[in-house]
């Protein structure tokens, strides 16, 4: 998420999270939900994240539904 500068800036601005909060909250379902909600709202970001994780965008989006 934070590896791409433009994406990171947009994500942090929209969620109000800081890099530290994001890192420390990786196990928190609320933080995970915020990340997935952001990705699902921006198709290009969803596709890039899915590729980086080696999964389909649909599978990544379905993860949001399970949270």
C-alpha atoms as a PDB file:
ATOM      1  CA  UNK A   1       0.000   0.000   0.000  1.00  0.00           C
ATOM      2  CA  UNK A   2       2.704   2.451   0.935  1.00  0.00           C
ATOM      3  CA  UNK A   3       5.138   1.320  -1.772  1.00  0.00           C
ATOM      4  CA  UNK A   4       3.553   3.555  -4.407  1.00  0.00           C
ATOM      5  CA  UNK A   5       3.902   7.215  -3.464  1.00  0.00           C
ATOM      6  CA  UNK A   6       0.748   8.525  -5.154  1.00  0.00           C
ATOM      7  CA  UNK A   7      -1.384   5.665  -3.854  1.00  0.00           C
ATOM      8  CA  UNK A   8       0.030   6.031  -0.353  1.00  0.00           C
ATOM      9  CA  UNK A   9      -0.666   9.771  -0.234  1.00  0.00           C
ATOM     10  CA  UNK A  10      -4.231   9.290  -1.453  1.00  0.00           C
ATOM     11  CA  UNK A  11      -4.871   6.408   0.955  1.00  0.00           C
ATOM     12  CA  UNK A  12      -3.513   8.266   3.987  1.00  0.00           C
ATOM     13  CA  UNK A  13      -5.434  11.428   3.090  1.00  0.00           C
ATOM     14  CA  UNK A  14      -8.721   9.570   2.595  1.00  0.00           C
ATOM     15  CA  UNK A  15      -8.487   7.330   5.658  1.00  0.00           C
ATOM     16  CA  UNK A  16      -6.787   9.672   8.102  1.00  0.00           C
ATOM     17  CA  UNK A  17      -4.335   6.909   9.005  1.00  0.00           C
ATOM     18  CA  UNK A  18      -0.622   7.505   9.386  1.00  0.00           C
ATOM     19  CA  UNK A  19       2.070   5.107   8.156  1.00  0.00           C
ATOM     20  CA  UNK A  20       2.725   4.155  11.780  1.00  0.00           C
ATOM     21  CA  UNK A  21      -0.953   3.499  12.502  1.00  0.00           C
ATOM     22  CA  UNK A  22      -1.216   1.410   9.363  1.00  0.00           C
ATOM     23  CA  UNK A  23       1.826  -0.685  10.235  1.00  0.00           C
ATOM     24  CA  UNK A  24       0.825  -1.203  13.855  1.00  0.00           C
ATOM     25  CA  UNK A  25      -2.781  -1.981  12.931  1.00  0.00           C
ATOM     26  CA  UNK A  26      -2.184  -4.653  10.314  1.00  0.00           C
ATOM     27  CA  UNK A  27      -3.834  -7.269  12.538  1.00  0.00           C
ATOM     28  CA  UNK A  28      -6.809  -5.015  13.332  1.00  0.00           C
ATOM     29  CA  UNK A  29      -9.952  -5.844  11.310  1.00  0.00           C
ATOM     30  CA  UNK A  30     -10.881  -2.142  11.200  1.00  0.00           C
ATOM     31  CA  UNK A  31      -7.557  -1.223   9.579  1.00  0.00           C
ATOM     32  CA  UNK A  32      -7.773  -4.202   7.238  1.00  0.00           C
ATOM     33  CA  UNK A  33     -11.290  -3.107   6.301  1.00  0.00           C
ATOM     34  CA  UNK A  34     -10.130   0.445   5.603  1.00  0.00           C
ATOM     35  CA  UNK A  35      -7.408  -0.851   3.296  1.00  0.00           C
ATOM     36  CA  UNK A  36      -9.767  -3.177   1.453  1.00  0.00           C
ATOM     37  CA  UNK A  37     -12.461  -0.508   1.180  1.00  0.00           C
ATOM     38  CA  UNK A  38      -9.921   1.877  -0.320  1.00  0.00           C
ATOM     39  CA  UNK A  39      -8.678  -0.722  -2.798  1.00  0.00           C
ATOM     40  CA  UNK A  40     -12.185  -1.744  -3.836  1.00  0.00           C
ATOM     41  CA  UNK A  41     -13.047   1.891  -4.474  1.00  0.00           C
ATOM     42  CA  UNK A  42     -10.184   2.326  -6.955  1.00  0.00           C
ATOM     43  CA  UNK A  43     -10.042  -0.438  -9.557  1.00  0.00           C
ATOM     44  CA  UNK A  44      -6.465   0.288 -10.658  1.00  0.00           C
ATOM     45  CA  UNK A  45      -5.292   0.043  -7.047  1.00  0.00           C
ATOM     46  CA  UNK A  46      -7.268  -3.164  -6.505  1.00  0.00           C
ATOM     47  CA  UNK A  47      -5.685  -4.749  -9.571  1.00  0.00           C
ATOM     48  CA  UNK A  48      -2.175  -3.646  -8.579  1.00  0.00           C
ATOM     49  CA  UNK A  49      -2.590  -4.942  -5.031  1.00  0.00           C
ATOM     50  CA  UNK A  50      -4.030  -8.254  -6.238  1.00  0.00           C
ATOM     51  CA  UNK A  51      -1.132  -8.727  -8.629  1.00  0.00           C
ATOM     52  CA  UNK A  52       1.378  -7.945  -5.870  1.00  0.00           C
ATOM     53  CA  UNK A  53      -0.319 -10.520  -3.643  1.00  0.00           C
ATOM     54  CA  UNK A  54      -0.578 -13.125  -6.403  1.00  0.00           C
ATOM     55  CA  UNK A  55      -4.358 -13.318  -6.322  1.00  0.00           C
ATOM     56  CA  UNK A  56      -7.263 -12.214  -8.452  1.00  0.00           C
ATOM     57  CA  UNK A  57      -8.915  -8.850  -7.866  1.00  0.00           C
ATOM     58  CA  UNK A  58     -12.209 -10.691  -7.266  1.00  0.00           C
ATOM     59  CA  UNK A  59     -10.636 -12.803  -4.518  1.00  0.00           C
ATOM     60  CA  UNK A  60      -9.184  -9.708  -2.867  1.00  0.00           C
ATOM     61  CA  UNK A  61     -12.539  -7.916  -3.055  1.00  0.00           C
ATOM     62  CA  UNK A  62     -14.269 -10.968  -1.569  1.00  0.00           C
ATOM     63  CA  UNK A  63     -11.954 -10.689   1.425  1.00  0.00           C
ATOM     64  CA  UNK A  64     -13.581  -7.354   2.229  1.00  0.00           C
ATOM     65  CA  UNK A  65     -16.983  -9.038   2.353  1.00  0.00           C
ATOM     66  CA  UNK A  66     -15.702 -11.633   4.831  1.00  0.00           C
ATOM     67  CA  UNK A  67     -14.494  -8.955   7.237  1.00  0.00           C
END
